[in-house]
Amino acid sequence: MSLVLSLIAFLLLTAGTALFVAAEFSLTALERSTVESNAKSGGWRDGYVQKAHRSLSFQLSGAQLGISITTLATGYLAEPVVATLLHAPLKLLRVPESMLDGISLGLALLIATSVSMIFGELVPKNLAVAKPSPTARWAAPPQWWFSRFLTPAIKVTNGTANWILRRLGIEPAEELRSARSPQELVSLVRTSKRSGSLDASTADLVDRSLQFGERSAEELMTPRSKIESLHLDDTVADLIGKAIDTGFSRFPITAGDLDETVGIVHVKQAFTVPHAERATTALVTIARPVSTVPSSLDGDAVMTQIRANGLQTALVVDEYGGTAGMVTVEDLIEEIVGDVRDEHDDATLDVVEVGDGWRISGLLRIDEVESETSFRPPEGDYETIGGLILQELGHIPEPGETVELTEFDPDGPLDDPVHWQATVIQMDGRRIDLLELTELGRRGSSEEEDH
């Protein structure tokens, strides 16, 4: 009878350990928003989950205390009982009497510890991680009552731990932090996209929106080399002709170059001037003041300034006071929703897959190249893929020139990186307008194939 009761007690204590482990892992795996929502629409068990989650640090201390008590009691009961049960089989195996007690106790310790670890810790832990809400509903009520019953002991142990943390300069938290940084959310969205939990278009939109605030005005702007401007002596008729030729609607008015911009005009302002006077009316008479933003200003602040002025445009100024580019509301929208094109835009896409590589606009930002292709650019002092090519070549290239690039591959072998070839397809003055990237593969793998 004593042996049977000890075995039953062993099983009950193992179940107790499993209960506390399940409570610990399920409560930490649950988000506060999920707990609060379940408490509003669920049953009485969800109410206990909510109360336990609101005093999480205290409940985790209670769970640890419960695990320690049940584990110690399990070892105290199980080892001698299992050792007694092993005596007869070991005798049948003709184990010497002098070694019988030592071997039986060693095997008893191994068996009891294994059973307790598997059924008392690993199984409930994995269950709680896989199904946190259902597990918490069953584990939280007894866990909450146990912690309440042993409140004095838990306060002593928990208070001691918190005191040590404060001495180390860390303020203990009673609840888990539920807020997430933009970087954490971006990682979550990308993981959800890969697993299929979010469709690709939704994931890309959320990803772009979260990263928008991290972009600078320099990354969002249309670069200086692509800005079409008019001189202050030009007329309204010149404005209309320029709009027809370029498809643009907004133009800086300069007294020389873009560093001497005196204002900005929109093609719709031409309709405020009578047709007969358009050829003689100087643009300076209808130009509006242009807003300026520093190149380092973040995307959210740029959006605020753009929306505050009627022409929804601002010039981006570099650290030396020169005009680096121009940013419009269209630039900001495209950063969030992707490329937006109308009948006036160039029909050529920025990234086109061709054969074993891609044909890419030289103005494409490095982060955009990385997200749109399989090429992982190395780190360097450049903003665009064209800048990378110029850095590698060391001179202004001619169409047809090629350069070999080494991909930065964090998951690949450092001594055998992926090699790519970049070919300049088209130049726009001294700027690389179009290039082609072709993957050459790993040198080590090709050498091995040759051998």
Protein backbone atom coordinates (compact mmCIF):
# COMPACT_ATOMS: atom_id res chain seq x y z
CA MET A 1 0.00 0.00 0.00
CA SER A 2 2.83 2.41 0.86
CA LEU A 3 4.44 1.72 -2.50
CA VAL A 4 1.18 2.32 -4.40
CA LEU A 5 0.50 5.57 -2.53
CA SER A 6 4.04 6.77 -3.23
CA LEU A 7 3.60 6.10 -6.96
CA ILE A 8 0.28 7.96 -6.99
CA ALA A 9 1.91 10.87 -5.16
CA PHE A 10 4.73 10.84 -7.73
CA LEU A 11 2.24 11.10 -10.59
CA LEU A 12 0.28 13.88 -8.86
CA LEU A 13 3.44 15.87 -8.13
CA THR A 14 4.55 15.50 -11.77
CA ALA A 15 1.12 16.78 -12.83
CA GLY A 16 1.60 19.70 -10.42
CA THR A 17 4.94 20.56 -12.00
CA ALA A 18 3.29 20.39 -15.41
CA LEU A 19 0.55 22.76 -14.23
CA PHE A 20 3.02 25.40 -13.01
CA VAL A 21 5.21 25.11 -16.13
CA ALA A 22 2.14 25.43 -18.36
CA ALA A 23 0.98 28.50 -16.43
CA GLU A 24 4.40 30.13 -16.63
CA PHE A 25 4.90 29.70 -20.38
CA SER A 26 1.30 30.33 -21.46
CA LEU A 27 1.04 33.59 -19.50
CA THR A 28 4.31 34.92 -20.93
CA ALA A 29 3.34 33.88 -24.47
CA LEU A 30 0.05 35.83 -24.42
CA GLU A 31 -0.23 39.42 -25.67
CA ARG A 32 -2.04 41.84 -23.37
CA SER A 33 -4.46 42.83 -26.14
CA THR A 34 -5.43 39.16 -26.61
CA VAL A 35 -5.93 38.67 -22.87
CA GLU A 36 -8.11 41.78 -22.54
CA SER A 37 -10.20 40.82 -25.57
CA ASN A 38 -10.75 37.26 -24.30
CA ALA A 39 -11.71 38.55 -20.87
CA LYS A 40 -14.47 40.71 -22.36
CA SER A 41 -16.01 37.99 -24.51
CA GLY A 42 -14.92 34.78 -22.73
CA GLY A 43 -15.88 32.88 -19.58
CA TRP A 44 -14.72 32.87 -15.97
CA ARG A 45 -11.44 31.18 -16.85
CA ASP A 46 -10.49 34.12 -19.09
CA GLY A 47 -11.12 36.37 -16.10
CA TYR A 48 -8.49 34.45 -14.13
CA VAL A 49 -6.10 34.69 -17.07
CA GLN A 50 -6.59 38.47 -17.08
CA LYS A 51 -5.98 38.76 -13.31
CA ALA A 52 -2.88 36.56 -13.52
CA HIS A 53 -1.52 38.49 -16.54
CA ARG A 54 -1.94 41.83 -14.77
CA SER A 55 0.29 40.60 -11.92
CA LEU A 56 2.61 38.64 -14.18
CA SER A 57 5.83 39.07 -12.23
CA PHE A 58 4.12 37.88 -9.04
CA GLN A 59 2.50 34.92 -10.81
CA LEU A 60 5.78 33.85 -12.43
CA SER A 61 7.42 33.90 -9.01
CA GLY A 62 4.55 31.75 -7.72
CA ALA A 63 4.98 29.35 -10.63
CA GLN A 64 8.71 29.04 -9.93
CA LEU A 65 8.00 28.37 -6.29
CA GLY A 66 5.44 25.73 -7.24
CA ILE A 67 7.87 24.08 -9.68
CA SER A 68 10.61 24.00 -7.02
CA ILE A 69 8.30 22.47 -4.38
CA THR A 70 6.84 19.79 -6.64
CA THR A 71 10.22 18.91 -8.19
CA LEU A 72 11.89 18.49 -4.80
CA ALA A 73 9.00 16.46 -3.46
CA THR A 74 9.02 14.30 -6.59
CA GLY A 75 12.69 13.51 -6.15
CA TYR A 76 12.22 12.79 -2.47
CA LEU A 77 9.38 10.32 -3.11
CA ALA A 78 10.25 8.84 -6.46
CA GLU A 79 13.89 7.88 -6.11
CA PRO A 80 13.55 5.43 -3.17
CA VAL A 81 10.29 4.00 -4.58
CA VAL A 82 11.73 3.42 -8.05
CA ALA A 83 14.94 2.07 -6.52
CA THR A 84 12.89 -0.47 -4.52
CA LEU A 85 11.03 -1.53 -7.68
CA LEU A 86 14.33 -2.02 -9.48
CA HIS A 87 15.80 -4.34 -6.87
CA ALA A 88 14.04 -7.47 -8.16
CA PRO A 89 14.91 -6.99 -11.87
CA LEU A 90 18.53 -6.21 -10.97
CA LYS A 91 18.76 -9.36 -8.87
CA LEU A 92 17.47 -11.37 -11.81
CA LEU A 93 20.29 -9.86 -13.83
CA ARG A 94 22.67 -11.19 -11.13
CA VAL A 95 23.94 -7.80 -10.05
CA PRO A 96 26.20 -8.26 -7.01
CA GLU A 97 24.63 -7.35 -3.63
CA SER A 98 27.43 -4.89 -2.93
CA MET A 99 26.51 -2.90 -6.06
CA LEU A 100 22.75 -3.37 -5.96
CA ASP A 101 21.83 -0.29 -3.89
CA GLY A 102 24.14 2.04 -5.82
CA ILE A 103 22.98 0.92 -9.26
CA SER A 104 19.29 0.93 -8.31
CA LEU A 105 19.52 4.44 -6.82
CA GLY A 106 21.41 5.70 -9.91
CA LEU A 107 18.84 4.22 -12.28
CA ALA A 108 16.01 5.50 -10.09
CA LEU A 109 17.43 9.02 -10.21
CA LEU A 110 17.77 8.84 -14.01
CA ILE A 111 14.24 7.45 -14.53
CA ALA A 112 12.53 9.82 -12.07
CA THR A 113 14.35 12.86 -13.47
CA SER A 114 13.57 11.86 -17.08
CA VAL A 115 9.87 11.29 -16.38
CA SER A 116 9.61 14.57 -14.46
CA MET A 117 11.49 16.51 -17.14
CA ILE A 118 9.53 15.11 -20.09
CA PHE A 119 6.00 14.99 -18.65
CA GLY A 120 6.38 17.68 -16.02
CA GLU A 121 8.31 20.30 -18.02
CA LEU A 122 8.87 19.71 -21.74
CA VAL A 123 5.39 18.50 -22.72
CA PRO A 124 3.50 21.32 -20.89
CA LYS A 125 6.06 23.90 -22.09
CA ASN A 126 5.63 22.95 -25.74
CA LEU A 127 1.85 22.80 -25.31
CA ALA A 128 1.78 26.28 -23.75
CA VAL A 129 3.91 27.77 -26.55
CA ALA A 130 1.80 26.12 -29.27
CA LYS A 131 -1.62 26.82 -27.68
CA PRO A 132 -1.14 29.65 -25.16
CA SER A 133 -4.77 30.75 -24.79
CA PRO A 134 -6.39 27.32 -24.15
CA THR A 135 -3.50 26.31 -21.88
CA ALA A 136 -3.73 29.51 -19.86
CA ARG A 137 -7.49 29.05 -19.40
CA TRP A 138 -6.88 25.74 -17.60
CA ALA A 139 -3.65 26.61 -15.80
CA ALA A 140 -4.32 30.20 -14.65
CA PRO A 141 -7.11 29.55 -12.07
CA PRO A 142 -5.19 27.02 -9.89
CA GLN A 143 -1.99 29.04 -10.43
CA TRP A 144 -3.71 32.22 -9.22
CA TRP A 145 -5.13 30.52 -6.09
CA PHE A 146 -1.78 28.87 -5.32
CA SER A 147 -0.01 32.25 -5.56
CA ARG A 148 -2.62 33.87 -3.36
CA PHE A 149 -2.33 31.13 -0.74
CA LEU A 150 1.48 31.42 -0.63
CA THR A 151 1.58 35.22 -0.98
CA PRO A 152 3.96 35.82 1.98
CA ALA A 153 6.60 33.39 0.66
CA ILE A 154 6.29 34.72 -2.89
CA LYS A 155 6.59 38.35 -1.74
CA VAL A 156 9.81 37.50 0.10
CA THR A 157 11.42 35.73 -2.87
CA ASN A 158 10.06 38.16 -5.48
CA GLY A 159 10.97 41.19 -3.38
CA THR A 160 14.52 39.92 -2.96
CA ALA A 161 14.89 39.40 -6.71
CA ASN A 162 13.50 42.88 -7.45
CA TRP A 163 15.83 44.43 -4.87
CA ILE A 164 18.82 42.83 -6.62
CA LEU A 165 17.60 44.11 -10.01
CA ARG A 166 17.26 47.66 -8.67
CA ARG A 167 20.80 47.49 -7.31
CA LEU A 168 21.87 46.63 -10.86
CA GLY A 169 20.05 49.71 -12.20
CA ILE A 170 17.09 47.81 -13.70
CA GLU A 171 13.50 48.64 -12.81
CA PRO A 172 11.38 45.45 -12.54
CA ALA A 173 8.18 45.31 -14.61
CA GLU A 174 4.99 43.71 -13.37
CA GLU A 175 3.59 43.18 -16.89
CA LEU A 176 5.21 42.24 -20.17
CA ARG A 177 5.80 45.12 -22.56
CA SER A 178 3.12 44.82 -25.25
CA ALA A 179 4.21 47.72 -27.44
CA ARG A 180 6.52 46.95 -30.35
CA SER A 181 9.12 49.11 -32.06
CA PRO A 182 8.82 49.77 -35.80
CA GLN A 183 11.79 47.45 -36.41
CA GLU A 184 10.07 44.62 -34.50
CA LEU A 185 6.86 45.18 -36.43
CA VAL A 186 8.73 45.15 -39.76
CA SER A 187 10.32 41.83 -38.81
CA LEU A 188 6.92 40.45 -37.79
CA VAL A 189 5.31 41.57 -41.06
CA ARG A 190 8.09 40.01 -43.17
CA THR A 191 7.85 36.75 -41.23
CA SER A 192 4.07 36.73 -41.72
CA LYS A 193 4.57 37.32 -45.44
CA ARG A 194 7.00 34.40 -45.74
CA SER A 195 4.68 32.07 -43.82
CA GLY A 196 1.62 33.12 -45.85
CA SER A 197 -0.26 34.66 -42.90
CA LEU A 198 -0.30 37.98 -44.80
CA ASP A 199 -0.68 38.25 -48.55
CA ALA A 200 2.29 39.80 -50.33
CA SER A 201 0.61 43.10 -51.31
CA THR A 202 -0.70 43.78 -47.79
CA ALA A 203 2.64 42.87 -46.22
CA ASP A 204 4.54 45.17 -48.62
CA LEU A 205 2.17 48.06 -47.88
CA VAL A 206 2.52 47.65 -44.10
CA ASP A 207 6.29 47.18 -44.43
CA ARG A 208 6.66 50.39 -46.45
CA SER A 209 4.40 52.33 -44.06
CA LEU A 210 6.39 51.26 -41.01
CA GLN A 211 9.71 52.18 -42.61
CA PHE A 212 8.48 55.51 -43.98
CA GLY A 213 9.27 57.44 -40.79
CA GLU A 214 12.85 56.12 -40.84
CA ARG A 215 13.52 57.54 -44.32
CA SER A 216 15.23 60.90 -44.69
CA ALA A 217 14.32 63.68 -47.10
CA GLU A 218 17.46 62.80 -49.07
CA GLU A 219 16.14 59.27 -49.62
CA LEU A 220 12.64 60.44 -50.56
CA MET A 221 13.52 63.29 -52.94
CA THR A 222 13.84 63.48 -56.70
CA PRO A 223 17.58 64.18 -57.18
CA ARG A 224 18.78 67.52 -58.49
CA SER A 225 19.89 66.04 -61.82
CA LYS A 226 16.30 65.08 -62.69
CA ILE A 227 14.66 68.39 -61.77
CA GLU A 228 13.26 70.49 -64.61
CA SER A 229 13.35 74.21 -63.83
CA LEU A 230 12.49 77.55 -65.46
CA HIS A 231 14.26 80.93 -65.34
CA LEU A 232 12.67 83.94 -63.70
CA ASP A 233 12.66 85.71 -67.08
CA ASP A 234 10.62 82.94 -68.69
CA THR A 235 6.95 83.56 -69.38
CA VAL A 236 3.70 81.75 -68.65
CA ALA A 237 3.77 80.47 -72.23
CA ASP A 238 7.17 78.91 -71.51
CA LEU A 239 5.63 77.22 -68.45
CA ILE A 240 2.87 75.66 -70.56
CA GLY A 241 5.37 74.51 -73.19
CA LYS A 242 7.64 72.99 -70.53
CA ALA A 243 4.71 71.14 -68.95
CA ILE A 244 3.72 69.72 -72.36
CA ASP A 245 7.28 68.61 -73.11
CA THR A 246 8.07 67.01 -69.75
CA GLY A 247 4.70 65.95 -68.36
CA PHE A 248 5.57 67.68 -65.07
CA SER A 249 3.27 70.17 -63.37
CA ARG A 250 5.55 71.91 -60.83
CA PHE A 251 8.72 73.81 -61.69
CA PRO A 252 11.25 75.74 -59.57
CA ILE A 253 11.91 79.27 -60.84
CA THR A 254 15.61 80.14 -60.64
CA ALA A 255 17.79 83.19 -61.03
CA GLY A 256 20.61 81.00 -62.34
CA ASP A 257 20.80 77.43 -61.10
CA LEU A 258 18.78 75.53 -58.51
CA ASP A 259 20.85 76.99 -55.67
CA GLU A 260 19.28 80.35 -56.58
CA THR A 261 15.63 79.25 -56.60
CA VAL A 262 13.32 82.22 -56.08
CA GLY A 263 9.99 80.40 -56.08
CA ILE A 264 7.92 77.64 -57.61
CA VAL A 265 5.02 77.57 -60.08
CA HIS A 266 2.31 75.04 -60.91
CA VAL A 267 0.95 74.70 -64.42
CA LYS A 268 -2.59 75.34 -63.16
CA GLN A 269 -1.51 78.90 -62.31
CA ALA A 270 -1.23 79.53 -66.06
CA PHE A 271 -5.03 79.50 -66.25
CA THR A 272 -5.17 82.58 -64.01
CA VAL A 273 -3.47 84.59 -66.77
CA PRO A 274 -5.50 85.60 -69.85
CA HIS A 275 -4.44 83.77 -73.02
CA ALA A 276 -3.36 86.95 -74.76
CA GLU A 277 -1.02 87.91 -71.90
CA ARG A 278 0.70 84.55 -71.38
CA ALA A 279 3.55 85.26 -73.79
CA THR A 280 4.41 88.51 -72.02
CA THR A 281 3.74 87.68 -68.36
CA ALA A 282 6.93 86.74 -66.49
CA LEU A 283 6.77 83.71 -64.26
CA VAL A 284 8.26 85.64 -61.35
CA THR A 285 4.95 87.54 -61.07
CA ILE A 286 2.97 84.37 -60.31
CA ALA A 287 5.66 82.33 -58.53
CA ARG A 288 5.01 81.31 -54.94
CA PRO A 289 7.58 80.96 -52.16
CA VAL A 290 9.08 77.48 -52.00
CA SER A 291 9.49 75.56 -48.75
CA THR A 292 12.87 74.05 -47.93
CA VAL A 293 13.70 71.07 -45.74
CA PRO A 294 17.10 69.74 -44.61
CA SER A 295 18.21 66.52 -46.27
CA SER A 296 18.36 64.77 -42.89
CA LEU A 297 14.71 65.45 -41.96
CA ASP A 298 12.72 62.23 -41.36
CA GLY A 299 9.80 61.16 -43.53
CA ASP A 300 7.03 62.02 -41.06
CA ALA A 301 8.31 65.58 -40.62
CA VAL A 302 8.71 65.98 -44.40
CA MET A 303 5.10 64.84 -44.87
CA THR A 304 3.91 67.45 -42.35
CA GLN A 305 5.73 70.27 -44.12
CA ILE A 306 4.63 69.15 -47.59
CA ARG A 307 0.97 69.05 -46.55
CA ALA A 308 1.23 72.50 -44.97
CA ASN A 309 1.97 74.34 -48.23
CA GLY A 310 -0.44 74.69 -51.11
CA LEU A 311 1.88 73.39 -53.85
CA GLN A 312 2.75 70.25 -51.83
CA THR A 313 6.41 70.58 -52.78
CA ALA A 314 9.65 71.37 -50.97
CA LEU A 315 13.28 71.76 -51.98
CA VAL A 316 15.75 69.55 -50.13
CA VAL A 317 18.84 71.42 -48.93
CA ASP A 318 22.12 69.65 -48.14
CA GLU A 319 24.47 70.46 -45.26
CA TYR A 320 26.30 73.06 -47.35
CA GLY A 321 23.12 74.99 -48.18
CA GLY A 322 22.92 73.80 -51.78
CA THR A 323 19.85 72.29 -53.40
CA ALA A 324 20.12 68.50 -53.32
CA GLY A 325 16.73 67.74 -54.84
CA MET A 326 13.00 68.27 -54.66
CA VAL A 327 10.37 66.25 -52.82
CA THR A 328 6.69 66.23 -53.74
CA VAL A 329 3.62 64.57 -52.28
CA GLU A 330 3.84 62.02 -55.12
CA ASP A 331 7.32 61.00 -53.93
CA LEU A 332 5.95 60.42 -50.44
CA ILE A 333 2.95 58.42 -51.66
CA GLU A 334 5.16 56.24 -53.86
CA GLU A 335 7.37 55.47 -50.87
CA ILE A 336 4.35 53.94 -49.13
CA VAL A 337 2.23 52.38 -51.90
CA GLY A 338 4.92 51.73 -54.51
CA ASP A 339 5.41 53.15 -57.98
CA VAL A 340 2.55 55.41 -59.12
CA ARG A 341 2.50 56.14 -62.85
CA ASP A 342 0.29 58.17 -65.14
CA GLU A 343 0.25 58.79 -68.88
CA HIS A 344 3.08 61.37 -68.56
CA ASP A 345 5.51 59.09 -66.74
CA ASP A 346 8.28 57.13 -68.40
CA ALA A 347 6.90 53.66 -69.19
CA THR A 348 10.26 52.02 -68.36
CA LEU A 349 10.11 50.15 -65.05
CA ASP A 350 12.85 50.71 -62.48
CA VAL A 351 13.50 46.95 -62.15
CA VAL A 352 12.98 44.40 -64.93
CA GLU A 353 14.09 40.78 -64.67
CA VAL A 354 16.14 39.73 -67.72
CA GLY A 355 17.63 36.25 -68.07
CA ASP A 356 19.88 35.53 -65.08
CA GLY A 357 19.76 39.08 -63.75
CA TRP A 358 17.97 42.43 -63.66
CA ARG A 359 17.93 45.65 -65.65
CA ILE A 360 17.86 48.44 -63.09
CA SER A 361 17.60 52.22 -63.00
CA GLY A 362 20.84 53.74 -61.76
CA LEU A 363 18.87 55.98 -59.41
CA LEU A 364 17.35 53.07 -57.49
CA ARG A 365 18.23 53.24 -53.79
CA ILE A 366 20.33 50.44 -52.32
CA ASP A 367 17.53 49.28 -49.99
CA GLU A 368 15.15 49.17 -52.99
CA VAL A 369 17.64 47.08 -54.98
CA GLU A 370 17.88 44.66 -52.06
CA SER A 371 14.09 44.34 -51.72
CA GLU A 372 13.38 44.04 -55.47
CA THR A 373 16.21 41.68 -56.50
CA SER A 374 18.31 38.86 -55.04
CA PHE A 375 21.44 41.04 -55.05
CA ARG A 376 22.72 42.02 -51.58
CA PRO A 377 24.91 45.11 -52.02
CA PRO A 378 28.01 45.51 -49.83
CA GLU A 379 28.12 48.38 -47.38
CA GLY A 380 29.64 51.65 -48.55
CA ASP A 381 29.34 55.43 -48.82
CA TYR A 382 26.70 55.55 -51.54
CA GLU A 383 22.91 55.85 -51.70
CA THR A 384 22.06 54.35 -55.10
CA ILE A 385 23.10 51.36 -57.19
CA GLY A 386 24.61 53.82 -59.68
CA GLY A 387 26.74 55.22 -56.86
CA LEU A 388 28.00 51.71 -56.07
CA ILE A 389 29.05 51.20 -59.71
CA LEU A 390 30.85 54.56 -59.79
CA GLN A 391 32.67 53.69 -56.56
CA GLU A 392 33.83 50.35 -57.96
CA LEU A 393 34.86 51.76 -61.35
CA GLY A 394 36.58 54.87 -60.00
CA HIS A 395 35.66 56.94 -63.08
CA ILE A 396 32.70 58.07 -65.17
CA PRO A 397 31.89 55.05 -67.34
CA GLU A 398 30.92 54.69 -70.95
CA PRO A 399 27.95 52.54 -72.05
CA GLY A 400 29.03 48.89 -72.26
CA GLU A 401 31.60 49.04 -69.45
CA THR A 402 31.40 46.23 -66.88
CA VAL A 403 32.56 45.81 -63.30
CA GLU A 404 32.48 42.82 -60.97
CA LEU A 405 30.67 43.18 -57.64
CA THR A 406 30.89 41.01 -54.55
CA GLU A 407 27.58 40.40 -52.82
CA PHE A 408 27.21 40.80 -49.07
CA ASP A 409 25.68 37.48 -48.03
CA PRO A 410 25.23 37.20 -44.22
CA ASP A 411 24.07 33.59 -44.54
CA GLY A 412 26.80 32.48 -46.94
CA PRO A 413 30.45 31.54 -46.42
CA LEU A 414 32.63 34.61 -45.91
CA ASP A 415 35.48 33.06 -47.92
CA ASP A 416 33.25 32.24 -50.91
CA PRO A 417 30.85 35.15 -51.61
CA VAL A 418 28.48 35.42 -54.56
CA HIS A 419 29.92 37.42 -57.47
CA TRP A 420 27.88 39.63 -59.83
CA GLN A 421 28.65 41.54 -63.00
CA ALA A 422 27.28 45.05 -63.53
CA THR A 423 27.08 46.38 -67.09
CA VAL A 424 26.40 50.04 -67.83
CA ILE A 425 23.63 50.16 -70.45
CA GLN A 426 22.83 53.86 -70.69
CA MET A 427 24.25 57.14 -69.37
CA ASP A 428 22.46 60.41 -68.69
CA GLY A 429 25.29 62.91 -68.91
CA ARG A 430 27.69 61.88 -66.15
CA ARG A 431 25.04 59.83 -64.35
CA ILE A 432 24.44 56.11 -64.81
CA ASP A 433 20.87 55.95 -66.07
CA LEU A 434 20.45 52.22 -66.71
CA LEU A 435 22.51 49.15 -65.83
CA GLU A 436 22.23 45.39 -65.86
CA LEU A 437 23.12 43.04 -63.00
CA THR A 438 24.01 39.42 -63.80
CA GLU A 439 24.77 36.77 -61.19
CA LEU A 440 28.09 34.96 -61.78
CA GLY A 441 27.79 32.58 -58.81
CA ARG A 442 30.34 31.50 -56.24
CA ARG A 443 33.92 31.08 -57.38
CA GLY A 444 34.59 28.19 -55.02
CA SER A 445 31.67 26.15 -56.35
CA SER A 446 32.72 26.65 -59.98
CA GLU A 447 36.32 25.70 -59.17
CA GLU A 448 35.11 22.52 -57.46
CA GLU A 449 33.05 21.64 -60.53
CA ASP A 450 36.12 22.14 -62.74
CA HIS A 451 38.07 19.67 -60.61
